[in-house]
Amino acid sequence: MTLTSDVGFAYAAQMKAVLVREGVPPGHIVDLAHDLPTHGVREGAFLLREMAKGFPPFVVHLAVVDPGVGGGRRPIAIETRSGAMLVGPDNGLLMPLAETLGMVSVHQIEPAKLAPRPRVGTTFDGRDLFAPAAARLALGAPPSSLGRLTTPRSFSLPRPVLAGRGAQGEVLHVDRFGNLISNFPTAWVEPATKRLTLAVAQGRPRRIPWATSYESLGRGVLGALGSSFGLVEIAVGEGRASDRLRANVGTGISLRWSRRSAVPGETVNSARPRKRP
């Protein structure tokens, strides 16, 4: 099993206690992250996909970023072609990973189908509902044992738009170093590119280097490079691009690339992306 959340390790420990009590061996539970951005469903969905997609088949992935806990959102379990099972809220968090692994069926988790146990409050479905359901799947029960078939909420990560030697998109993730992970595939940038034109939100377009490493970027220099996600990353050498550009998840970005280097005093015309609220 893997376990991912925004709840921190103190609450995650309570979820693991349920899993172990239900029969999942402690050594079979892998913590992926419990410091996801609080209530950040879209960023959490991106990170869950990137963290979990490399695991072998027949793993149960339990994930909780659940600002709608106790409300109208449904608890679900997703069966995939890889053999993996995904358990969590039906708020979009599981969908990018499910689509990557090949979604087969989705079942709504019905509390009455689980072994009766006292619930404490209505704010911790990760412990009281998702963990018992995930444990059942990990021990071999079919997802149909959790409840009826359902159709999950439609959800997709924002897609960039490619136009010639440029693209419009946005920030998907701000990592702990302040690097801005965009939704532009690194492969879109032409191999011979030396410099890019970057515009962030309503900021002025600026020329920045296209680097091969943080070291080649240079300390304090704003630039771009291919990230470990396979996406274009905006970074400051030994600094924080998020602070320098005042950007966060959802901030619009436009990029233009060219084989030629910048010409001193040149004028750059670039569409400026709208800043999302």
C-alpha atoms as a PDB file:
ATOM      1  CA  MET A   1       0.000   0.000   0.000  1.00  0.00           C
ATOM      2  CA  THR A   2       0.954   3.622  -0.405  1.00  0.00           C
ATOM      3  CA  LEU A   3      -0.388   6.445   1.718  1.00  0.00           C
ATOM      4  CA  THR A   4      -0.531  10.102   0.599  1.00  0.00           C
ATOM      5  CA  SER A   5      -2.191  13.093   2.236  1.00  0.00           C
ATOM      6  CA  ASP A   6      -2.116  16.730   3.282  1.00  0.00           C
ATOM      7  CA  VAL A   7      -2.904  15.911   6.922  1.00  0.00           C
ATOM      8  CA  GLY A   8       0.594  15.689   8.404  1.00  0.00           C
ATOM      9  CA  PHE A   9       2.193  12.696  10.100  1.00  0.00           C
ATOM     10  CA  ALA A  10       0.215  12.885  13.364  1.00  0.00           C
ATOM     11  CA  TYR A  11      -3.093  12.301  11.556  1.00  0.00           C
ATOM     12  CA  ALA A  12      -1.473   9.897   9.081  1.00  0.00           C
ATOM     13  CA  ALA A  13      -0.336   7.764  12.024  1.00  0.00           C
ATOM     14  CA  GLN A  14      -3.991   7.291  12.995  1.00  0.00           C
ATOM     15  CA  MET A  15      -4.778   6.122   9.457  1.00  0.00           C
ATOM     16  CA  LYS A  16      -1.913   3.632   9.612  1.00  0.00           C
ATOM     17  CA  ALA A  17      -3.141   2.340  12.957  1.00  0.00           C
ATOM     18  CA  VAL A  18      -6.434   1.421  11.288  1.00  0.00           C
ATOM     19  CA  LEU A  19      -4.659  -0.259   8.379  1.00  0.00           C
ATOM     20  CA  VAL A  20      -2.529  -2.371  10.716  1.00  0.00           C
ATOM     21  CA  ARG A  21      -5.494  -3.216  12.942  1.00  0.00           C
ATOM     22  CA  GLU A  22      -7.388  -4.392   9.860  1.00  0.00           C
ATOM     23  CA  GLY A  23      -4.540  -6.778   8.992  1.00  0.00           C
ATOM     24  CA  VAL A  24      -2.164  -4.899   6.659  1.00  0.00           C
ATOM     25  CA  PRO A  25       1.420  -5.668   7.775  1.00  0.00           C
ATOM     26  CA  PRO A  26       3.220  -2.469   8.850  1.00  0.00           C
ATOM     27  CA  GLY A  27       6.118  -3.100   6.487  1.00  0.00           C
ATOM     28  CA  HIS A  28       3.711  -3.088   3.536  1.00  0.00           C
ATOM     29  CA  ILE A  29       2.647   0.546   4.014  1.00  0.00           C
ATOM     30  CA  VAL A  30       4.755   3.109   2.138  1.00  0.00           C
ATOM     31  CA  ASP A  31       4.362   6.785   3.044  1.00  0.00           C
ATOM     32  CA  LEU A  32       4.645   8.893  -0.115  1.00  0.00           C
ATOM     33  CA  ALA A  33       3.913  12.315   1.391  1.00  0.00           C
ATOM     34  CA  HIS A  34       1.858  13.879   4.157  1.00  0.00           C
ATOM     35  CA  ASP A  35       2.895  17.470   3.500  1.00  0.00           C
ATOM     36  CA  LEU A  36       0.941  18.090   0.303  1.00  0.00           C
ATOM     37  CA  PRO A  37      -0.419  21.657   0.090  1.00  0.00           C
ATOM     38  CA  THR A  38      -3.449  21.801   2.374  1.00  0.00           C
ATOM     39  CA  HIS A  39      -6.718  21.651   0.422  1.00  0.00           C
ATOM     40  CA  GLY A  40      -4.687  21.720  -2.824  1.00  0.00           C
ATOM     41  CA  VAL A  41      -6.610  19.105  -4.808  1.00  0.00           C
ATOM     42  CA  ARG A  42      -5.199  20.036  -8.222  1.00  0.00           C
ATOM     43  CA  GLU A  43      -1.565  20.190  -7.105  1.00  0.00           C
ATOM     44  CA  GLY A  44      -2.094  17.045  -5.039  1.00  0.00           C
ATOM     45  CA  ALA A  45      -3.527  15.237  -8.060  1.00  0.00           C
ATOM     46  CA  PHE A  46      -0.441  16.103 -10.098  1.00  0.00           C
ATOM     47  CA  LEU A  47       1.970  15.013  -7.361  1.00  0.00           C
ATOM     48  CA  LEU A  48       0.063  11.804  -6.598  1.00  0.00           C
ATOM     49  CA  ARG A  49       0.282  10.795 -10.248  1.00  0.00           C
ATOM     50  CA  GLU A  50       3.999  11.514 -10.406  1.00  0.00           C
ATOM     51  CA  MET A  51       4.770   9.754  -7.124  1.00  0.00           C
ATOM     52  CA  ALA A  52       2.609   6.664  -7.553  1.00  0.00           C
ATOM     53  CA  LYS A  53       2.772   5.845 -11.269  1.00  0.00           C
ATOM     54  CA  GLY A  54       6.180   4.186 -10.966  1.00  0.00           C
ATOM     55  CA  PHE A  55       5.065   1.597  -8.405  1.00  0.00           C
ATOM     56  CA  PRO A  56       4.607  -2.024  -9.511  1.00  0.00           C
ATOM     57  CA  PRO A  57       1.141  -3.446 -10.289  1.00  0.00           C
ATOM     58  CA  PHE A  58      -1.337  -4.599  -7.660  1.00  0.00           C
ATOM     59  CA  VAL A  59      -0.663  -1.797  -5.187  1.00  0.00           C
ATOM     60  CA  VAL A  60      -3.442  -0.055  -3.250  1.00  0.00           C
ATOM     61  CA  HIS A  61      -2.926   3.725  -3.307  1.00  0.00           C
ATOM     62  CA  LEU A  62      -4.786   5.499  -0.500  1.00  0.00           C
ATOM     63  CA  ALA A  63      -4.796   9.290  -0.965  1.00  0.00           C
ATOM     64  CA  VAL A  64      -6.520  12.020   1.026  1.00  0.00           C
ATOM     65  CA  VAL A  65      -6.673  15.705   0.147  1.00  0.00           C
ATOM     66  CA  ASP A  66     -10.245  16.310   1.110  1.00  0.00           C
ATOM     67  CA  PRO A  67     -11.523  19.854   1.732  1.00  0.00           C
ATOM     68  CA  GLY A  68     -15.083  18.549   1.247  1.00  0.00           C
ATOM     69  CA  VAL A  69     -14.875  15.954   4.031  1.00  0.00           C
ATOM     70  CA  GLY A  70     -18.237  15.394   5.684  1.00  0.00           C
ATOM     71  CA  GLY A  71     -20.059  17.059   2.781  1.00  0.00           C
ATOM     72  CA  GLY A  72     -21.563  15.889  -0.473  1.00  0.00           C
ATOM     73  CA  ARG A  73     -18.475  14.516  -2.200  1.00  0.00           C
ATOM     74  CA  ARG A  74     -18.464  10.722  -2.495  1.00  0.00           C
ATOM     75  CA  PRO A  75     -15.823   8.262  -1.240  1.00  0.00           C
ATOM     76  CA  ILE A  76     -14.674   6.026  -4.090  1.00  0.00           C
ATOM     77  CA  ALA A  77     -12.445   3.093  -4.996  1.00  0.00           C
ATOM     78  CA  ILE A  78     -11.023   2.835  -8.529  1.00  0.00           C
ATOM     79  CA  GLU A  79      -9.857  -0.377 -10.193  1.00  0.00           C
ATOM     80  CA  THR A  80      -7.204   0.036 -12.913  1.00  0.00           C
ATOM     81  CA  ARG A  81      -5.818  -2.067 -15.750  1.00  0.00           C
ATOM     82  CA  SER A  82      -2.447  -2.223 -14.007  1.00  0.00           C
ATOM     83  CA  GLY A  83      -4.070  -4.069 -11.115  1.00  0.00           C
ATOM     84  CA  ALA A  84      -3.638  -1.100  -8.790  1.00  0.00           C
ATOM     85  CA  MET A  85      -6.568   0.133  -6.688  1.00  0.00           C
ATOM     86  CA  LEU A  86      -7.042   3.792  -5.751  1.00  0.00           C
ATOM     87  CA  VAL A  87      -9.013   4.891  -2.702  1.00  0.00           C
ATOM     88  CA  GLY A  88      -9.971   8.450  -1.763  1.00  0.00           C
ATOM     89  CA  PRO A  89     -12.456  11.269  -2.252  1.00  0.00           C
ATOM     90  CA  ASP A  90     -14.268  11.845  -5.543  1.00  0.00           C
ATOM     91  CA  ASN A  91     -12.951  15.392  -5.942  1.00  0.00           C
ATOM     92  CA  GLY A  92     -10.486  14.844  -8.794  1.00  0.00           C
ATOM     93  CA  LEU A  93      -7.508  13.873  -6.640  1.00  0.00           C
ATOM     94  CA  LEU A  94      -7.344  10.286  -7.953  1.00  0.00           C
ATOM     95  CA  MET A  95      -8.224  10.911 -11.591  1.00  0.00           C
ATOM     96  CA  PRO A  96      -4.858  11.767 -13.228  1.00  0.00           C
ATOM     97  CA  LEU A  97      -3.281   8.659 -11.679  1.00  0.00           C
ATOM     98  CA  ALA A  98      -6.308   6.522 -12.600  1.00  0.00           C
ATOM     99  CA  GLU A  99      -6.121   7.670 -16.218  1.00  0.00           C
ATOM    100  CA  THR A 100      -2.381   6.984 -16.337  1.00  0.00           C
ATOM    101  CA  LEU A 101      -2.853   3.438 -14.991  1.00  0.00           C
ATOM    102  CA  GLY A 102      -5.989   2.781 -17.069  1.00  0.00           C
ATOM    103  CA  MET A 103      -9.303   3.156 -15.280  1.00  0.00           C
ATOM    104  CA  VAL A 104     -11.528   0.048 -15.378  1.00  0.00           C
ATOM    105  CA  SER A 105     -14.305   0.660 -12.847  1.00  0.00           C
ATOM    106  CA  VAL A 106     -15.269   2.978 -10.013  1.00  0.00           C
ATOM    107  CA  HIS A 107     -17.235   1.939  -6.924  1.00  0.00           C
ATOM    108  CA  GLN A 108     -18.763   4.219  -4.338  1.00  0.00           C
ATOM    109  CA  ILE A 109     -17.655   3.231  -0.845  1.00  0.00           C
ATOM    110  CA  GLU A 110     -20.729   2.612   1.298  1.00  0.00           C
ATOM    111  CA  PRO A 111     -20.054   2.777   5.058  1.00  0.00           C
ATOM    112  CA  ALA A 112     -22.650   0.078   5.728  1.00  0.00           C
ATOM    113  CA  LYS A 113     -20.556  -2.382   3.679  1.00  0.00           C
ATOM    114  CA  LEU A 114     -17.624  -1.995   6.051  1.00  0.00           C
ATOM    115  CA  ALA A 115     -17.340  -3.661   9.441  1.00  0.00           C
ATOM    116  CA  PRO A 116     -19.292  -1.569  11.939  1.00  0.00           C
ATOM    117  CA  ARG A 117     -17.132   0.651  14.133  1.00  0.00           C
ATOM    118  CA  PRO A 118     -17.845   3.848  16.042  1.00  0.00           C
ATOM    119  CA  ARG A 119     -17.174   7.055  14.117  1.00  0.00           C
ATOM    120  CA  VAL A 120     -15.684   9.980  15.989  1.00  0.00           C
ATOM    121  CA  GLY A 121     -16.964  13.201  14.422  1.00  0.00           C
ATOM    122  CA  THR A 122     -17.362  13.834  10.686  1.00  0.00           C
ATOM    123  CA  THR A 123     -13.985  15.388   9.826  1.00  0.00           C
ATOM    124  CA  PHE A 124     -11.646  12.414   9.393  1.00  0.00           C
ATOM    125  CA  ASP A 125     -12.851  10.073   6.665  1.00  0.00           C
ATOM    126  CA  GLY A 126      -9.209   9.229   5.978  1.00  0.00           C
ATOM    127  CA  ARG A 127      -9.156   7.248   9.211  1.00  0.00           C
ATOM    128  CA  ASP A 128     -12.810   6.271   9.595  1.00  0.00           C
ATOM    129  CA  LEU A 129     -13.767   5.359   6.019  1.00  0.00           C
ATOM    130  CA  PHE A 130     -10.933   5.350   3.473  1.00  0.00           C
ATOM    131  CA  ALA A 131      -8.433   3.388   5.592  1.00  0.00           C
ATOM    132  CA  PRO A 132     -10.826   0.477   6.348  1.00  0.00           C
ATOM    133  CA  ALA A 133     -11.843   0.335   2.669  1.00  0.00           C
ATOM    134  CA  ALA A 134      -8.229   0.373   1.479  1.00  0.00           C
ATOM    135  CA  ALA A 135      -7.284  -2.340   3.963  1.00  0.00           C
ATOM    136  CA  ARG A 136     -10.048  -4.560   2.646  1.00  0.00           C
ATOM    137  CA  LEU A 137      -8.760  -4.177  -0.918  1.00  0.00           C
ATOM    138  CA  ALA A 138      -5.160  -4.785   0.176  1.00  0.00           C
ATOM    139  CA  LEU A 139      -6.249  -8.058   1.770  1.00  0.00           C
ATOM    140  CA  GLY A 140      -7.810  -9.268  -1.477  1.00  0.00           C
ATOM    141  CA  ALA A 141     -11.453  -8.217  -1.443  1.00  0.00           C
ATOM    142  CA  PRO A 142     -12.904  -7.063  -4.796  1.00  0.00           C
ATOM    143  CA  PRO A 143     -13.899  -3.389  -5.110  1.00  0.00           C
ATOM    144  CA  SER A 144     -17.504  -4.482  -5.676  1.00  0.00           C
ATOM    145  CA  SER A 145     -17.586  -5.498  -2.004  1.00  0.00           C
ATOM    146  CA  LEU A 146     -17.344  -1.818  -1.037  1.00  0.00           C
ATOM    147  CA  GLY A 147     -20.450  -0.601  -2.845  1.00  0.00           C
ATOM    148  CA  ARG A 148     -22.181   0.002  -6.157  1.00  0.00           C
ATOM    149  CA  LEU A 149     -20.682   1.122  -9.449  1.00  0.00           C
ATOM    150  CA  THR A 150     -20.617   4.855 -10.025  1.00  0.00           C
ATOM    151  CA  THR A 151     -19.293   7.486 -12.437  1.00  0.00           C
ATOM    152  CA  PRO A 152     -16.514   9.646 -11.017  1.00  0.00           C
ATOM    153  CA  ARG A 153     -16.474  13.407 -11.170  1.00  0.00           C
ATOM    154  CA  SER A 154     -14.874  14.729 -14.354  1.00  0.00           C
ATOM    155  CA  PHE A 155     -11.438  16.209 -13.719  1.00  0.00           C
ATOM    156  CA  SER A 156      -8.277  16.920 -15.686  1.00  0.00           C
ATOM    157  CA  LEU A 157      -5.097  18.855 -15.098  1.00  0.00           C
ATOM    158  CA  PRO A 158      -4.774  22.086 -17.122  1.00  0.00           C
ATOM    159  CA  ARG A 159      -3.326  21.557 -20.590  1.00  0.00           C
ATOM    160  CA  PRO A 160      -0.862  23.931 -22.236  1.00  0.00           C
ATOM    161  CA  VAL A 161      -1.357  25.337 -25.730  1.00  0.00           C
ATOM    162  CA  LEU A 162       1.482  25.081 -28.266  1.00  0.00           C
ATOM    163  CA  ALA A 163       1.691  27.705 -30.997  1.00  0.00           C
ATOM    164  CA  GLY A 164       4.746  27.708 -33.260  1.00  0.00           C
ATOM    165  CA  ARG A 165       7.830  28.358 -31.142  1.00  0.00           C
ATOM    166  CA  GLY A 166       5.832  29.330 -28.101  1.00  0.00           C
ATOM    167  CA  ALA A 167       3.295  28.081 -25.616  1.00  0.00           C
ATOM    168  CA  GLN A 168       0.744  29.247 -23.079  1.00  0.00           C
ATOM    169  CA  GLY A 169       0.225  27.394 -19.828  1.00  0.00           C
ATOM    170  CA  GLU A 170       0.462  27.690 -16.074  1.00  0.00           C
ATOM    171  CA  VAL A 171       2.248  26.575 -12.916  1.00  0.00           C
ATOM    172  CA  LEU A 172       1.249  23.071 -11.777  1.00  0.00           C
ATOM    173  CA  HIS A 173       3.478  22.804  -8.719  1.00  0.00           C
ATOM    174  CA  VAL A 174       5.797  24.912  -6.581  1.00  0.00           C
ATOM    175  CA  ASP A 175       8.381  22.635  -5.000  1.00  0.00           C
ATOM    176  CA  ARG A 176      10.094  23.155  -1.652  1.00  0.00           C
ATOM    177  CA  PHE A 177      12.946  25.029  -3.364  1.00  0.00           C
ATOM    178  CA  GLY A 178      10.575  27.572  -4.884  1.00  0.00           C
ATOM    179  CA  ASN A 179      10.974  26.166  -8.400  1.00  0.00           C
ATOM    180  CA  LEU A 180       7.928  26.626 -10.638  1.00  0.00           C
ATOM    181  CA  ILE A 181       6.961  23.393 -12.396  1.00  0.00           C
ATOM    182  CA  SER A 182       4.966  24.352 -15.486  1.00  0.00           C
ATOM    183  CA  ASN A 183       2.700  22.188 -17.610  1.00  0.00           C
ATOM    184  CA  PHE A 184       4.896  22.589 -20.722  1.00  0.00           C
ATOM    185  CA  PRO A 185       6.570  19.319 -21.799  1.00  0.00           C
ATOM    186  CA  THR A 186      10.330  19.784 -21.923  1.00  0.00           C
ATOM    187  CA  ALA A 187      10.275  18.118 -25.351  1.00  0.00           C
ATOM    188  CA  TRP A 188       8.439  21.148 -26.755  1.00  0.00           C
ATOM    189  CA  VAL A 189      11.541  23.322 -26.412  1.00  0.00           C
ATOM    190  CA  GLU A 190      13.758  23.003 -29.489  1.00  0.00           C
ATOM    191  CA  PRO A 191      17.075  21.279 -28.709  1.00  0.00           C
ATOM    192  CA  ALA A 192      19.236  24.153 -29.996  1.00  0.00           C
ATOM    193  CA  THR A 193      17.486  26.730 -27.825  1.00  0.00           C
ATOM    194  CA  LYS A 194      19.781  28.976 -25.794  1.00  0.00           C
ATOM    195  CA  ARG A 195      17.334  31.530 -24.437  1.00  0.00           C
ATOM    196  CA  LEU A 196      13.595  31.807 -23.829  1.00  0.00           C
ATOM    197  CA  THR A 197      11.193  34.692 -23.547  1.00  0.00           C
ATOM    198  CA  LEU A 198       9.166  34.329 -20.354  1.00  0.00           C
ATOM    199  CA  ALA A 199       6.054  36.215 -19.236  1.00  0.00           C
ATOM    200  CA  VAL A 200       4.444  35.418 -15.900  1.00  0.00           C
ATOM    201  CA  ALA A 201       0.892  36.574 -15.145  1.00  0.00           C
ATOM    202  CA  GLN A 202       0.752  40.270 -16.091  1.00  0.00           C
ATOM    203  CA  GLY A 203       4.501  40.788 -15.747  1.00  0.00           C
ATOM    204  CA  ARG A 204       6.689  42.104 -18.517  1.00  0.00           C
ATOM    205  CA  PRO A 205       8.264  39.611 -20.944  1.00  0.00           C
ATOM    206  CA  ARG A 206      11.912  38.929 -20.177  1.00  0.00           C
ATOM    207  CA  ARG A 207      14.719  36.956 -21.790  1.00  0.00           C
ATOM    208  CA  ILE A 208      16.077  34.119 -19.671  1.00  0.00           C
ATOM    209  CA  PRO A 209      18.639  31.371 -20.302  1.00  0.00           C
ATOM    210  CA  TRP A 210      17.648  27.800 -21.130  1.00  0.00           C
ATOM    211  CA  ALA A 211      20.006  25.893 -18.820  1.00  0.00           C
ATOM    212  CA  THR A 212      21.146  22.287 -18.580  1.00  0.00           C
ATOM    213  CA  SER A 213      21.640  22.305 -14.775  1.00  0.00           C
ATOM    214  CA  TYR A 214      21.305  24.562 -11.750  1.00  0.00           C
ATOM    215  CA  GLU A 215      25.084  24.962 -11.745  1.00  0.00           C
ATOM    216  CA  SER A 216      25.122  26.150 -15.367  1.00  0.00           C
ATOM    217  CA  LEU A 217      22.306  28.575 -14.535  1.00  0.00           C
ATOM    218  CA  GLY A 218      24.434  30.385 -11.972  1.00  0.00           C
ATOM    219  CA  ARG A 219      23.711  31.647  -8.496  1.00  0.00           C
ATOM    220  CA  GLY A 220      20.881  34.169  -8.339  1.00  0.00           C
ATOM    221  CA  VAL A 221      20.116  33.889 -12.082  1.00  0.00           C
ATOM    222  CA  LEU A 222      16.524  33.393 -13.225  1.00  0.00           C
ATOM    223  CA  GLY A 223      16.228  30.799 -15.969  1.00  0.00           C
ATOM    224  CA  ALA A 224      14.492  27.656 -17.173  1.00  0.00           C
ATOM    225  CA  LEU A 225      15.486  24.009 -17.558  1.00  0.00           C
ATOM    226  CA  GLY A 226      13.948  20.596 -18.026  1.00  0.00           C
ATOM    227  CA  SER A 227      12.667  19.274 -14.696  1.00  0.00           C
ATOM    228  CA  SER A 228      12.680  15.708 -13.391  1.00  0.00           C
ATOM    229  CA  PHE A 229       8.936  15.624 -14.174  1.00  0.00           C
ATOM    230  CA  GLY A 230       9.673  16.012 -17.892  1.00  0.00           C
ATOM    231  CA  LEU A 231       8.178  19.503 -17.722  1.00  0.00           C
ATOM    232  CA  VAL A 232       9.745  22.944 -18.095  1.00  0.00           C
ATOM    233  CA  GLU A 233      10.835  24.369 -14.747  1.00  0.00           C
ATOM    234  CA  ILE A 234      11.407  28.048 -13.956  1.00  0.00           C
ATOM    235  CA  ALA A 235      14.150  28.387 -11.365  1.00  0.00           C
ATOM    236  CA  VAL A 236      16.597  30.781  -9.711  1.00  0.00           C
ATOM    237  CA  GLY A 237      20.061  29.411  -9.068  1.00  0.00           C
ATOM    238  CA  GLU A 238      20.237  28.810  -5.283  1.00  0.00           C
ATOM    239  CA  GLY A 239      17.147  30.998  -4.913  1.00  0.00           C
ATOM    240  CA  ARG A 240      13.359  30.896  -5.117  1.00  0.00           C
ATOM    241  CA  ALA A 241      11.663  31.619  -8.426  1.00  0.00           C
ATOM    242  CA  SER A 242       8.255  31.662  -6.725  1.00  0.00           C
ATOM    243  CA  ASP A 243       9.352  34.640  -4.607  1.00  0.00           C
ATOM    244  CA  ARG A 244      11.184  36.423  -7.414  1.00  0.00           C
ATOM    245  CA  LEU A 245       8.184  36.205  -9.771  1.00  0.00           C
ATOM    246  CA  ARG A 246       5.427  36.253  -7.117  1.00  0.00           C
ATOM    247  CA  ALA A 247       3.972  33.141  -8.718  1.00  0.00           C
ATOM    248  CA  ASN A 248       2.038  30.210  -7.321  1.00  0.00           C
ATOM    249  CA  VAL A 249       0.023  27.221  -8.514  1.00  0.00           C
ATOM    250  CA  GLY A 250      -2.326  28.374 -11.259  1.00  0.00           C
ATOM    251  CA  THR A 251      -0.300  31.445 -12.232  1.00  0.00           C
ATOM    252  CA  GLY A 252      -0.283  31.847 -16.008  1.00  0.00           C
ATOM    253  CA  ILE A 253       2.981  31.497 -17.954  1.00  0.00           C
ATOM    254  CA  SER A 254       3.894  32.072 -21.590  1.00  0.00           C
ATOM    255  CA  LEU A 255       7.140  30.957 -23.198  1.00  0.00           C
ATOM    256  CA  ARG A 256       8.716  31.634 -26.564  1.00  0.00           C
ATOM    257  CA  TRP A 257      11.908  30.017 -27.749  1.00  0.00           C
ATOM    258  CA  SER A 258      14.356  30.673 -30.533  1.00  0.00           C
ATOM    259  CA  ARG A 259      17.700  29.277 -31.632  1.00  0.00           C
ATOM    260  CA  ARG A 260      19.270  32.736 -31.629  1.00  0.00           C
ATOM    261  CA  SER A 261      20.584  34.394 -28.486  1.00  0.00           C
ATOM    262  CA  ALA A 262      19.232  37.650 -27.158  1.00  0.00           C
ATOM    263  CA  VAL A 263      20.187  40.821 -29.010  1.00  0.00           C
ATOM    264  CA  PRO A 264      20.990  43.760 -26.713  1.00  0.00           C
ATOM    265  CA  GLY A 265      18.133  46.251 -26.689  1.00  0.00           C
ATOM    266  CA  GLU A 266      15.754  44.020 -28.662  1.00  0.00           C
ATOM    267  CA  THR A 267      12.014  44.490 -28.241  1.00  0.00           C
ATOM    268  CA  VAL A 268      10.023  41.417 -27.306  1.00  0.00           C
ATOM    269  CA  ASN A 269       6.339  41.094 -28.176  1.00  0.00           C
ATOM    270  CA  SER A 270       4.707  38.263 -26.282  1.00  0.00           C
ATOM    271  CA  ALA A 271       1.145  37.479 -25.282  1.00  0.00           C
ATOM    272  CA  ARG A 272       0.765  37.849 -21.552  1.00  0.00           C
ATOM    273  CA  PRO A 273      -1.272  35.103 -19.935  1.00  0.00           C
ATOM    274  CA  ARG A 274      -4.185  35.912 -17.718  1.00  0.00           C
ATOM    275  CA  LYS A 275      -3.548  35.424 -14.033  1.00  0.00           C
ATOM    276  CA  ARG A 276      -6.018  32.954 -12.581  1.00  0.00           C
ATOM    277  CA  PRO A 277      -7.903  34.078  -9.498  1.00  0.00           C
END
